[in-house]
Amino acid sequence: MLFRALLLTLLLALPARAETRLLLFEQPGCIWCERWQAEVGHLYHRTPEGRAAPLVRVRLGQQPDGIKIAPPPHFTPTFVLAADGRELGRIEGYPGEAFFWALLGQMLAAGG
């Protein structure tokens, strides 16, 4: 918990990028997408991470406008951190809340 608090402090100190987004590639019936929504998604927009990288939902198989995603996601959920039209990093799958926050924090600190 202390690590997360320190990481969030660091994230808030970083200059904001207007075009940073967290793309969530999902599909109907995805139980891991539903689990993420229940554990994280309902509050994501209220977190420092959610303010730094607002969530954009994308249906699996679609390409988001103006962002180069390569290779295209094949699993759901896949989370792609993107800024200025390019992919900065991704998380494939959802192994749990703690793992998600840790990986997202690392991606934001490295490139977001």
N, C-alpha and C. Protein backbone atom coordinates (compact mmCIF):
# COMPACT_ATOMS: atom_id res chain seq x y z
N MET A 1 0.82 -1.19 0.00
CA MET A 1 0.00 0.00 0.00
C MET A 1 0.87 1.26 0.00
N LEU A 2 1.96 1.22 0.78
CA LEU A 2 2.87 2.36 0.82
C LEU A 2 3.49 2.59 -0.55
N PHE A 3 3.88 1.48 -1.22
CA PHE A 3 4.45 1.60 -2.56
C PHE A 3 3.47 2.30 -3.50
N ARG A 4 2.21 1.90 -3.44
CA ARG A 4 1.21 2.51 -4.32
C ARG A 4 1.04 3.99 -4.01
N ALA A 5 1.04 4.36 -2.74
CA ALA A 5 0.91 5.77 -2.36
C ALA A 5 2.10 6.58 -2.88
N LEU A 6 3.30 6.03 -2.77
CA LEU A 6 4.48 6.73 -3.28
C LEU A 6 4.44 6.84 -4.80
N LEU A 7 4.02 5.78 -5.45
CA LEU A 7 3.92 5.80 -6.90
C LEU A 7 2.89 6.82 -7.37
N LEU A 8 1.77 6.89 -6.69
CA LEU A 8 0.74 7.86 -7.06
C LEU A 8 1.24 9.29 -6.87
N THR A 9 2.01 9.52 -5.82
CA THR A 9 2.59 10.84 -5.60
C THR A 9 3.50 11.20 -6.76
N LEU A 10 4.31 10.25 -7.20
CA LEU A 10 5.19 10.47 -8.34
C LEU A 10 4.38 10.76 -9.60
N LEU A 11 3.32 10.01 -9.82
CA LEU A 11 2.49 10.21 -11.01
C LEU A 11 1.87 11.59 -11.04
N LEU A 12 1.42 12.05 -9.90
CA LEU A 12 0.80 13.37 -9.83
C LEU A 12 1.81 14.48 -10.09
N ALA A 13 3.08 14.22 -9.82
CA ALA A 13 4.11 15.22 -10.04
C ALA A 13 4.55 15.29 -11.50
N LEU A 14 4.25 14.26 -12.28
CA LEU A 14 4.64 14.25 -13.68
C LEU A 14 3.76 15.20 -14.49
N PRO A 15 4.33 15.82 -15.52
CA PRO A 15 3.50 16.67 -16.37
C PRO A 15 2.44 15.84 -17.09
N ALA A 16 1.24 16.37 -17.16
CA ALA A 16 0.13 15.65 -17.79
C ALA A 16 0.24 15.72 -19.30
N ARG A 17 -0.11 14.63 -19.95
CA ARG A 17 -0.19 14.59 -21.40
C ARG A 17 -1.67 14.57 -21.77
N ALA A 18 -2.07 15.48 -22.60
CA ALA A 18 -3.48 15.60 -22.94
C ALA A 18 -4.01 14.37 -23.66
N GLU A 19 -3.16 13.68 -24.37
CA GLU A 19 -3.62 12.58 -25.20
C GLU A 19 -3.35 11.20 -24.61
N THR A 20 -2.95 11.11 -23.36
CA THR A 20 -2.71 9.80 -22.74
C THR A 20 -4.05 9.14 -22.43
N ARG A 21 -4.20 7.88 -22.84
CA ARG A 21 -5.44 7.14 -22.63
C ARG A 21 -5.10 5.70 -22.26
N LEU A 22 -5.99 5.08 -21.52
CA LEU A 22 -5.91 3.64 -21.29
C LEU A 22 -7.02 3.01 -22.09
N LEU A 23 -6.65 2.27 -23.12
CA LEU A 23 -7.62 1.59 -23.97
C LEU A 23 -7.91 0.22 -23.37
N LEU A 24 -9.17 -0.09 -23.20
CA LEU A 24 -9.59 -1.41 -22.71
C LEU A 24 -10.23 -2.14 -23.88
N PHE A 25 -9.53 -3.16 -24.40
CA PHE A 25 -10.09 -4.00 -25.45
C PHE A 25 -10.87 -5.11 -24.76
N GLU A 26 -12.16 -5.20 -25.10
CA GLU A 26 -13.05 -6.16 -24.44
C GLU A 26 -14.02 -6.74 -25.46
N GLN A 27 -14.75 -7.76 -25.02
CA GLN A 27 -15.79 -8.36 -25.86
C GLN A 27 -16.91 -8.85 -24.97
N PRO A 28 -18.12 -8.95 -25.51
CA PRO A 28 -19.25 -9.43 -24.71
C PRO A 28 -18.98 -10.84 -24.18
N GLY A 29 -19.39 -11.07 -22.95
CA GLY A 29 -19.25 -12.38 -22.34
C GLY A 29 -17.89 -12.64 -21.71
N CYS A 30 -17.00 -11.68 -21.71
CA CYS A 30 -15.67 -11.84 -21.14
C CYS A 30 -15.77 -11.77 -19.61
N ILE A 31 -15.58 -12.90 -18.94
CA ILE A 31 -15.74 -12.91 -17.48
C ILE A 31 -14.63 -12.13 -16.78
N TRP A 32 -13.43 -12.09 -17.37
CA TRP A 32 -12.34 -11.33 -16.77
C TRP A 32 -12.56 -9.83 -16.94
N CYS A 33 -13.21 -9.43 -18.03
CA CYS A 33 -13.59 -8.02 -18.21
C CYS A 33 -14.61 -7.63 -17.14
N GLU A 34 -15.56 -8.52 -16.90
CA GLU A 34 -16.58 -8.26 -15.87
C GLU A 34 -15.95 -8.19 -14.49
N ARG A 35 -14.98 -9.07 -14.23
CA ARG A 35 -14.31 -9.04 -12.93
C ARG A 35 -13.54 -7.73 -12.76
N TRP A 36 -12.82 -7.29 -13.83
CA TRP A 36 -12.10 -6.01 -13.76
C TRP A 36 -13.08 -4.88 -13.48
N GLN A 37 -14.21 -4.89 -14.16
CA GLN A 37 -15.21 -3.84 -13.97
C GLN A 37 -15.69 -3.82 -12.52
N ALA A 38 -15.94 -4.98 -11.94
CA ALA A 38 -16.43 -5.06 -10.56
C ALA A 38 -15.37 -4.62 -9.55
N GLU A 39 -14.11 -4.95 -9.81
CA GLU A 39 -13.06 -4.67 -8.84
C GLU A 39 -12.39 -3.31 -9.05
N VAL A 40 -12.28 -2.86 -10.29
CA VAL A 40 -11.52 -1.66 -10.61
C VAL A 40 -12.31 -0.66 -11.44
N GLY A 41 -12.98 -1.14 -12.47
CA GLY A 41 -13.59 -0.27 -13.47
C GLY A 41 -14.58 0.73 -12.92
N HIS A 42 -15.35 0.34 -11.93
CA HIS A 42 -16.38 1.24 -11.40
C HIS A 42 -15.78 2.45 -10.69
N LEU A 43 -14.50 2.38 -10.28
CA LEU A 43 -13.89 3.51 -9.59
C LEU A 43 -12.67 4.07 -10.32
N TYR A 44 -12.30 3.46 -11.43
CA TYR A 44 -11.07 3.86 -12.13
C TYR A 44 -11.05 5.36 -12.43
N HIS A 45 -12.13 5.91 -12.90
CA HIS A 45 -12.16 7.32 -13.30
C HIS A 45 -11.91 8.27 -12.13
N ARG A 46 -12.06 7.79 -10.90
CA ARG A 46 -11.85 8.64 -9.72
C ARG A 46 -10.45 8.54 -9.15
N THR A 47 -9.60 7.71 -9.74
CA THR A 47 -8.25 7.50 -9.22
C THR A 47 -7.25 8.42 -9.92
N PRO A 48 -6.07 8.62 -9.32
CA PRO A 48 -5.04 9.41 -10.01
C PRO A 48 -4.66 8.79 -11.36
N GLU A 49 -4.63 7.46 -11.43
CA GLU A 49 -4.34 6.80 -12.70
C GLU A 49 -5.43 7.10 -13.73
N GLY A 50 -6.67 7.09 -13.29
CA GLY A 50 -7.79 7.37 -14.19
C GLY A 50 -7.78 8.80 -14.69
N ARG A 51 -7.30 9.71 -13.87
CA ARG A 51 -7.18 11.10 -14.32
C ARG A 51 -5.98 11.28 -15.25
N ALA A 52 -4.91 10.52 -15.00
CA ALA A 52 -3.72 10.61 -15.86
C ALA A 52 -3.94 9.93 -17.21
N ALA A 53 -4.75 8.87 -17.21
CA ALA A 53 -5.00 8.10 -18.44
C ALA A 53 -6.46 7.66 -18.45
N PRO A 54 -7.36 8.54 -18.89
CA PRO A 54 -8.78 8.18 -18.93
C PRO A 54 -9.03 6.92 -19.76
N LEU A 55 -10.03 6.16 -19.34
CA LEU A 55 -10.36 4.89 -19.97
C LEU A 55 -11.16 5.09 -21.24
N VAL A 56 -10.78 4.35 -22.28
CA VAL A 56 -11.53 4.30 -23.54
C VAL A 56 -11.80 2.83 -23.82
N ARG A 57 -13.05 2.46 -23.92
CA ARG A 57 -13.43 1.06 -24.19
C ARG A 57 -13.45 0.83 -25.70
N VAL A 58 -12.82 -0.27 -26.12
CA VAL A 58 -12.73 -0.62 -27.53
C VAL A 58 -13.13 -2.08 -27.67
N ARG A 59 -14.00 -2.36 -28.60
CA ARG A 59 -14.41 -3.75 -28.85
C ARG A 59 -13.26 -4.49 -29.52
N LEU A 60 -12.97 -5.70 -29.05
CA LEU A 60 -11.90 -6.52 -29.63
C LEU A 60 -12.13 -6.65 -31.13
N GLY A 61 -11.07 -6.45 -31.91
CA GLY A 61 -11.15 -6.52 -33.36
C GLY A 61 -11.25 -5.16 -34.02
N GLN A 62 -11.54 -4.12 -33.25
CA GLN A 62 -11.60 -2.77 -33.80
C GLN A 62 -10.28 -2.05 -33.53
N GLN A 63 -9.96 -1.12 -34.40
CA GLN A 63 -8.76 -0.31 -34.25
C GLN A 63 -9.20 1.09 -33.82
N PRO A 64 -8.68 1.59 -32.70
CA PRO A 64 -9.08 2.93 -32.27
C PRO A 64 -8.55 4.00 -33.22
N ASP A 65 -9.32 5.04 -33.42
CA ASP A 65 -8.94 6.12 -34.33
C ASP A 65 -7.68 6.83 -33.85
N GLY A 66 -6.75 7.01 -34.76
CA GLY A 66 -5.58 7.83 -34.50
C GLY A 66 -4.52 7.22 -33.61
N ILE A 67 -4.62 5.93 -33.29
CA ILE A 67 -3.63 5.29 -32.43
C ILE A 67 -3.14 4.02 -33.11
N LYS A 68 -1.84 3.90 -33.24
CA LYS A 68 -1.25 2.71 -33.86
C LYS A 68 -1.06 1.64 -32.79
N ILE A 69 -1.77 0.54 -32.93
CA ILE A 69 -1.69 -0.59 -32.02
C ILE A 69 -1.17 -1.79 -32.80
N ALA A 70 0.05 -2.23 -32.47
CA ALA A 70 0.62 -3.37 -33.18
C ALA A 70 1.43 -4.21 -32.21
N PRO A 71 1.18 -5.49 -32.20
CA PRO A 71 0.13 -6.20 -32.91
C PRO A 71 -1.23 -5.94 -32.26
N PRO A 72 -2.29 -6.18 -33.00
CA PRO A 72 -3.62 -5.97 -32.42
C PRO A 72 -3.86 -6.96 -31.28
N PRO A 73 -4.60 -6.57 -30.27
CA PRO A 73 -4.90 -7.48 -29.16
C PRO A 73 -5.70 -8.70 -29.64
N HIS A 74 -5.41 -9.84 -29.01
CA HIS A 74 -6.13 -11.08 -29.31
C HIS A 74 -6.85 -11.63 -28.10
N PHE A 75 -6.56 -11.09 -26.92
CA PHE A 75 -7.14 -11.57 -25.67
C PHE A 75 -7.94 -10.46 -25.01
N THR A 76 -8.94 -10.83 -24.24
CA THR A 76 -9.66 -9.84 -23.45
C THR A 76 -9.63 -10.25 -21.99
N PRO A 77 -9.50 -9.27 -21.14
CA PRO A 77 -9.25 -7.87 -21.46
C PRO A 77 -7.78 -7.64 -21.82
N THR A 78 -7.54 -6.69 -22.69
CA THR A 78 -6.20 -6.17 -22.94
C THR A 78 -6.26 -4.67 -22.71
N PHE A 79 -5.34 -4.18 -21.90
CA PHE A 79 -5.26 -2.76 -21.58
C PHE A 79 -4.04 -2.20 -22.29
N VAL A 80 -4.24 -1.16 -23.10
CA VAL A 80 -3.15 -0.54 -23.85
C VAL A 80 -3.04 0.91 -23.41
N LEU A 81 -1.89 1.27 -22.86
CA LEU A 81 -1.62 2.66 -22.53
C LEU A 81 -1.09 3.33 -23.78
N ALA A 82 -1.75 4.39 -24.22
CA ALA A 82 -1.39 5.07 -25.46
C ALA A 82 -1.30 6.56 -25.22
N ALA A 83 -0.36 7.19 -25.91
CA ALA A 83 -0.22 8.65 -25.85
C ALA A 83 0.30 9.14 -27.18
N ASP A 84 -0.18 10.29 -27.58
CA ASP A 84 0.29 10.92 -28.80
C ASP A 84 0.23 9.98 -30.00
N GLY A 85 -0.82 9.15 -30.06
CA GLY A 85 -1.05 8.29 -31.21
C GLY A 85 -0.24 7.00 -31.25
N ARG A 86 0.45 6.68 -30.14
CA ARG A 86 1.25 5.44 -30.16
C ARG A 86 1.09 4.67 -28.85
N GLU A 87 1.34 3.39 -28.93
CA GLU A 87 1.26 2.52 -27.77
C GLU A 87 2.49 2.68 -26.90
N LEU A 88 2.27 2.83 -25.59
CA LEU A 88 3.37 2.92 -24.63
C LEU A 88 3.60 1.61 -23.88
N GLY A 89 2.55 0.83 -23.75
CA GLY A 89 2.66 -0.44 -23.04
C GLY A 89 1.31 -1.12 -22.99
N ARG A 90 1.31 -2.38 -22.57
CA ARG A 90 0.04 -3.11 -22.49
C ARG A 90 0.06 -4.13 -21.38
N ILE A 91 -1.14 -4.44 -20.93
CA ILE A 91 -1.38 -5.51 -19.96
C ILE A 91 -2.35 -6.46 -20.64
N GLU A 92 -1.94 -7.71 -20.81
CA GLU A 92 -2.82 -8.71 -21.41
C GLU A 92 -3.41 -9.57 -20.31
N GLY A 93 -4.71 -9.57 -20.24
CA GLY A 93 -5.40 -10.33 -19.20
C GLY A 93 -5.58 -9.52 -17.94
N TYR A 94 -6.24 -10.12 -16.98
CA TYR A 94 -6.49 -9.48 -15.69
C TYR A 94 -6.29 -10.51 -14.59
N PRO A 95 -5.08 -10.55 -14.00
CA PRO A 95 -4.82 -11.53 -12.94
C PRO A 95 -5.21 -11.06 -11.55
N GLY A 96 -5.81 -9.89 -11.45
CA GLY A 96 -6.25 -9.40 -10.15
C GLY A 96 -5.95 -7.92 -9.97
N GLU A 97 -6.63 -7.34 -9.00
CA GLU A 97 -6.56 -5.90 -8.76
C GLU A 97 -5.14 -5.41 -8.43
N ALA A 98 -4.47 -6.06 -7.50
CA ALA A 98 -3.13 -5.61 -7.08
C ALA A 98 -2.15 -5.65 -8.25
N PHE A 99 -2.20 -6.72 -9.02
CA PHE A 99 -1.31 -6.86 -10.17
C PHE A 99 -1.60 -5.78 -11.21
N PHE A 100 -2.88 -5.53 -11.46
CA PHE A 100 -3.27 -4.50 -12.43
C PHE A 100 -2.72 -3.14 -12.04
N TRP A 101 -2.96 -2.73 -10.78
CA TRP A 101 -2.50 -1.41 -10.33
C TRP A 101 -0.99 -1.30 -10.40
N ALA A 102 -0.28 -2.36 -10.02
CA ALA A 102 1.18 -2.32 -10.05
C ALA A 102 1.70 -2.16 -11.48
N LEU A 103 1.17 -2.95 -12.41
CA LEU A 103 1.62 -2.85 -13.80
C LEU A 103 1.25 -1.51 -14.43
N LEU A 104 0.04 -1.05 -14.17
CA LEU A 104 -0.37 0.24 -14.73
C LEU A 104 0.51 1.36 -14.17
N GLY A 105 0.80 1.32 -12.89
CA GLY A 105 1.67 2.32 -12.29
C GLY A 105 3.05 2.34 -12.92
N GLN A 106 3.59 1.16 -13.19
CA GLN A 106 4.90 1.07 -13.85
C GLN A 106 4.85 1.66 -15.25
N MET A 107 3.78 1.35 -15.99
CA MET A 107 3.66 1.87 -17.35
C MET A 107 3.53 3.38 -17.35
N LEU A 108 2.72 3.91 -16.45
CA LEU A 108 2.54 5.36 -16.37
C LEU A 108 3.84 6.05 -15.99
N ALA A 109 4.56 5.50 -15.04
CA ALA A 109 5.82 6.10 -14.60
C ALA A 109 6.87 6.06 -15.72
N ALA A 110 6.84 5.00 -16.53
CA ALA A 110 7.83 4.84 -17.59
C ALA A 110 7.54 5.69 -18.82
N GLY A 111 6.25 5.88 -19.12
CA GLY A 111 5.98 6.56 -20.38
C GLY A 111 4.79 7.48 -20.40
N GLY A 112 3.98 7.44 -19.38
CA GLY A 112 2.76 8.24 -19.38
C GLY A 112 2.97 9.53 -18.73
